[in-house]
Every structure is written in C-alpha cells, then in structure tokens.
Amino acid sequence: MALAAKLQLRQSQSLVMTPQLMQSIRLLQFTHIELERFI
C-alpha cells in the first residue's frame, strides 16, 4: 500500500509518462483490487 502511494505521488509529480509506466501502474492497481476481492 505504501508502494502504491509512492507510485501515485510520483505519477502526479511527473508531467510526461511513458505508456509502459502507465500500464505498470494500472497493473499494480488492478492487482491491488483483485487482492481486496480475494480477501
């Protein structure tokens, strides 16, 4: 969860994001949601 917060902070600070980085963040968010559903 701390990692996700750091990623969101870094995302808001960086103006230019590569599609690969955006996809990675999206994947992490989806994984987090899936983990919540599983629990």
PDB file of N, CA and C in Angstrom:
ATOM      1  N   MET A   1       0.838  -1.193   0.000  1.00  0.00           N
ATOM      2  CA  MET A   1       0.000   0.000   0.000  1.00  0.00           C
ATOM      3  C   MET A   1       0.877   1.248   0.000  1.00  0.00           C
ATOM      4  N   ALA A   2       1.980   1.185   0.735  1.00  0.00           N
ATOM      5  CA  ALA A   2       2.918   2.308   0.741  1.00  0.00           C
ATOM      6  C   ALA A   2       3.531   2.471  -0.645  1.00  0.00           C
ATOM      7  N   LEU A   3       3.773   1.345  -1.301  1.00  0.00           N
ATOM      8  CA  LEU A   3       4.343   1.392  -2.644  1.00  0.00           C
ATOM      9  C   LEU A   3       3.376   2.068  -3.610  1.00  0.00           C
ATOM     10  N   ALA A   4       2.108   1.742  -3.494  1.00  0.00           N
ATOM     11  CA  ALA A   4       1.104   2.356  -4.362  1.00  0.00           C
ATOM     12  C   ALA A   4       1.029   3.854  -4.120  1.00  0.00           C
ATOM     13  N   ALA A   5       1.133   4.260  -2.868  1.00  0.00           N
ATOM     14  CA  ALA A   5       1.100   5.687  -2.542  1.00  0.00           C
ATOM     15  C   ALA A   5       2.295   6.400  -3.163  1.00  0.00           C
ATOM     16  N   LYS A   6       3.449   5.770  -3.114  1.00  0.00           N
ATOM     17  CA  LYS A   6       4.647   6.368  -3.710  1.00  0.00           C
ATOM     18  C   LYS A   6       4.497   6.469  -5.218  1.00  0.00           C
ATOM     19  N   LEU A   7       3.903   5.447  -5.823  1.00  0.00           N
ATOM     20  CA  LEU A   7       3.715   5.468  -7.270  1.00  0.00           C
ATOM     21  C   LEU A   7       2.750   6.575  -7.671  1.00  0.00           C
ATOM     22  N   GLN A   8       1.680   6.754  -6.910  1.00  0.00           N
ATOM     23  CA  GLN A   8       0.714   7.802  -7.219  1.00  0.00           C
ATOM     24  C   GLN A   8       1.349   9.174  -7.045  1.00  0.00           C
ATOM     25  N   LEU A   9       2.165   9.332  -6.017  1.00  0.00           N
ATOM     26  CA  LEU A   9       2.847  10.599  -5.785  1.00  0.00           C
ATOM     27  C   LEU A   9       3.798  10.883  -6.937  1.00  0.00           C
ATOM     28  N   ARG A  10       4.537   9.875  -7.345  1.00  0.00           N
ATOM     29  CA  ARG A  10       5.485  10.035  -8.449  1.00  0.00           C
ATOM     30  C   ARG A  10       4.735  10.318  -9.748  1.00  0.00           C
ATOM     31  N   GLN A  11       3.581   9.696  -9.902  1.00  0.00           N
ATOM     32  CA  GLN A  11       2.785   9.905 -11.111  1.00  0.00           C
ATOM     33  C   GLN A  11       2.296  11.346 -11.179  1.00  0.00           C
ATOM     34  N   SER A  12       1.880  11.907 -10.060  1.00  0.00           N
ATOM     35  CA  SER A  12       1.366  13.271 -10.047  1.00  0.00           C
ATOM     36  C   SER A  12       2.489  14.281 -10.243  1.00  0.00           C
ATOM     37  N   GLN A  13       3.699  13.915  -9.866  1.00  0.00           N
ATOM     38  CA  GLN A  13       4.822  14.838  -9.985  1.00  0.00           C
ATOM     39  C   GLN A  13       5.397  14.859 -11.397  1.00  0.00           C
ATOM     40  N   SER A  14       5.347  13.736 -12.088  1.00  0.00           N
ATOM     41  CA  SER A  14       5.942  13.671 -13.425  1.00  0.00           C
ATOM     42  C   SER A  14       4.915  14.083 -14.476  1.00  0.00           C
ATOM     43  N   LEU A  15       5.305  15.022 -15.332  1.00  0.00           N
ATOM     44  CA  LEU A  15       4.382  15.517 -16.351  1.00  0.00           C
ATOM     45  C   LEU A  15       4.315  14.555 -17.534  1.00  0.00           C
ATOM     46  N   VAL A  16       5.454  13.953 -17.854  1.00  0.00           N
ATOM     47  CA  VAL A  16       5.499  13.046 -19.003  1.00  0.00           C
ATOM     48  C   VAL A  16       5.647  11.613 -18.512  1.00  0.00           C
ATOM     49  N   MET A  17       4.696  10.773 -18.920  1.00  0.00           N
ATOM     50  CA  MET A  17       4.751   9.368 -18.514  1.00  0.00           C
ATOM     51  C   MET A  17       4.741   8.489 -19.753  1.00  0.00           C
ATOM     52  N   THR A  18       5.583   7.500 -19.748  1.00  0.00           N
ATOM     53  CA  THR A  18       5.612   6.575 -20.875  1.00  0.00           C
ATOM     54  C   THR A  18       4.444   5.601 -20.766  1.00  0.00           C
ATOM     55  N   PRO A  19       3.908   5.164 -21.886  1.00  0.00           N
ATOM     56  CA  PRO A  19       2.793   4.197 -21.867  1.00  0.00           C
ATOM     57  C   PRO A  19       3.126   2.957 -21.048  1.00  0.00           C
ATOM     58  N   GLN A  20       4.389   2.542 -21.098  1.00  0.00           N
ATOM     59  CA  GLN A  20       4.781   1.342 -20.348  1.00  0.00           C
ATOM     60  C   GLN A  20       4.657   1.593 -18.850  1.00  0.00           C
ATOM     61  N   LEU A  21       5.052   2.784 -18.402  1.00  0.00           N
ATOM     62  CA  LEU A  21       4.959   3.120 -16.981  1.00  0.00           C
ATOM     63  C   LEU A  21       3.498   3.208 -16.555  1.00  0.00           C
ATOM     64  N   MET A  22       2.673   3.822 -17.401  1.00  0.00           N
ATOM     65  CA  MET A  22       1.245   3.917 -17.092  1.00  0.00           C
ATOM     66  C   MET A  22       0.629   2.530 -16.994  1.00  0.00           C
ATOM     67  N   GLN A  23       1.031   1.639 -17.901  1.00  0.00           N
ATOM     68  CA  GLN A  23       0.496   0.275 -17.889  1.00  0.00           C
ATOM     69  C   GLN A  23       0.922  -0.458 -16.623  1.00  0.00           C
ATOM     70  N   SER A  24       2.150  -0.224 -16.196  1.00  0.00           N
ATOM     71  CA  SER A  24       2.645  -0.878 -14.981  1.00  0.00           C
ATOM     72  C   SER A  24       1.862  -0.416 -13.762  1.00  0.00           C
ATOM     73  N   ILE A  25       1.613   0.881 -13.676  1.00  0.00           N
ATOM     74  CA  ILE A  25       0.852   1.416 -12.538  1.00  0.00           C
ATOM     75  C   ILE A  25      -0.569   0.874 -12.567  1.00  0.00           C
ATOM     76  N   ARG A  26      -1.148   0.825 -13.770  1.00  0.00           N
ATOM     77  CA  ARG A  26      -2.503   0.289 -13.906  1.00  0.00           C
ATOM     78  C   ARG A  26      -2.550  -1.167 -13.454  1.00  0.00           C
ATOM     79  N   LEU A  27      -1.540  -1.927 -13.850  1.00  0.00           N
ATOM     80  CA  LEU A  27      -1.483  -3.343 -13.490  1.00  0.00           C
ATOM     81  C   LEU A  27      -1.383  -3.501 -11.978  1.00  0.00           C
ATOM     82  N   LEU A  28      -0.585  -2.650 -11.332  1.00  0.00           N
ATOM     83  CA  LEU A  28      -0.449  -2.716  -9.873  1.00  0.00           C
ATOM     84  C   LEU A  28      -1.783  -2.391  -9.207  1.00  0.00           C
ATOM     85  N   GLN A  29      -2.494  -1.399  -9.742  1.00  0.00           N
ATOM     86  CA  GLN A  29      -3.782  -1.028  -9.161  1.00  0.00           C
ATOM     87  C   GLN A  29      -4.783  -2.163  -9.323  1.00  0.00           C
ATOM     88  N   PHE A  30      -4.811  -2.787 -10.499  1.00  0.00           N
ATOM     89  CA  PHE A  30      -5.724  -3.902 -10.730  1.00  0.00           C
ATOM     90  C   PHE A  30      -5.400  -5.054  -9.791  1.00  0.00           C
ATOM     91  N   THR A  31      -4.120  -5.320  -9.603  1.00  0.00           N
ATOM     92  CA  THR A  31      -3.706  -6.394  -8.711  1.00  0.00           C
ATOM     93  C   THR A  31      -4.163  -6.103  -7.291  1.00  0.00           C
ATOM     94  N   HIS A  32      -4.066  -4.848  -6.873  1.00  0.00           N
ATOM     95  CA  HIS A  32      -4.485  -4.455  -5.527  1.00  0.00           C
ATOM     96  C   HIS A  32      -5.986  -4.683  -5.360  1.00  0.00           C
ATOM     97  N   ILE A  33      -6.757  -4.307  -6.366  1.00  0.00           N
ATOM     98  CA  ILE A  33      -8.208  -4.504  -6.310  1.00  0.00           C
ATOM     99  C   ILE A  33      -8.538  -5.992  -6.253  1.00  0.00           C
ATOM    100  N   GLU A  34      -7.848  -6.776  -7.058  1.00  0.00           N
ATOM    101  CA  GLU A  34      -8.094  -8.219  -7.068  1.00  0.00           C
ATOM    102  C   GLU A  34      -7.749  -8.830  -5.717  1.00  0.00           C
ATOM    103  N   LEU A  35      -6.687  -8.333  -5.090  1.00  0.00           N
ATOM    104  CA  LEU A  35      -6.312  -8.837  -3.767  1.00  0.00           C
ATOM    105  C   LEU A  35      -7.398  -8.508  -2.751  1.00  0.00           C
ATOM    106  N   GLU A  36      -7.967  -7.305  -2.831  1.00  0.00           N
ATOM    107  CA  GLU A  36      -9.037  -6.930  -1.900  1.00  0.00           C
ATOM    108  C   GLU A  36     -10.242  -7.836  -2.100  1.00  0.00           C
ATOM    109  N   ARG A  37     -10.573  -8.129  -3.344  1.00  0.00           N
ATOM    110  CA  ARG A  37     -11.708  -9.020  -3.619  1.00  0.00           C
ATOM    111  C   ARG A  37     -11.432 -10.417  -3.078  1.00  0.00           C
ATOM    112  N   PHE A  38     -10.201 -10.868  -3.242  1.00  0.00           N
ATOM    113  CA  PHE A  38      -9.835 -12.202  -2.790  1.00  0.00           C
ATOM    114  C   PHE A  38      -9.933 -12.299  -1.272  1.00  0.00           C
ATOM    115  N   ILE A  39      -9.497 -11.267  -0.585  1.00  0.00           N
ATOM    116  CA  ILE A  39      -9.543 -11.266   0.881  1.00  0.00           C
ATOM    117  C   ILE A  39     -10.978 -11.037   1.315  1.00  0.00           C
TER     118      ILE A  39
END
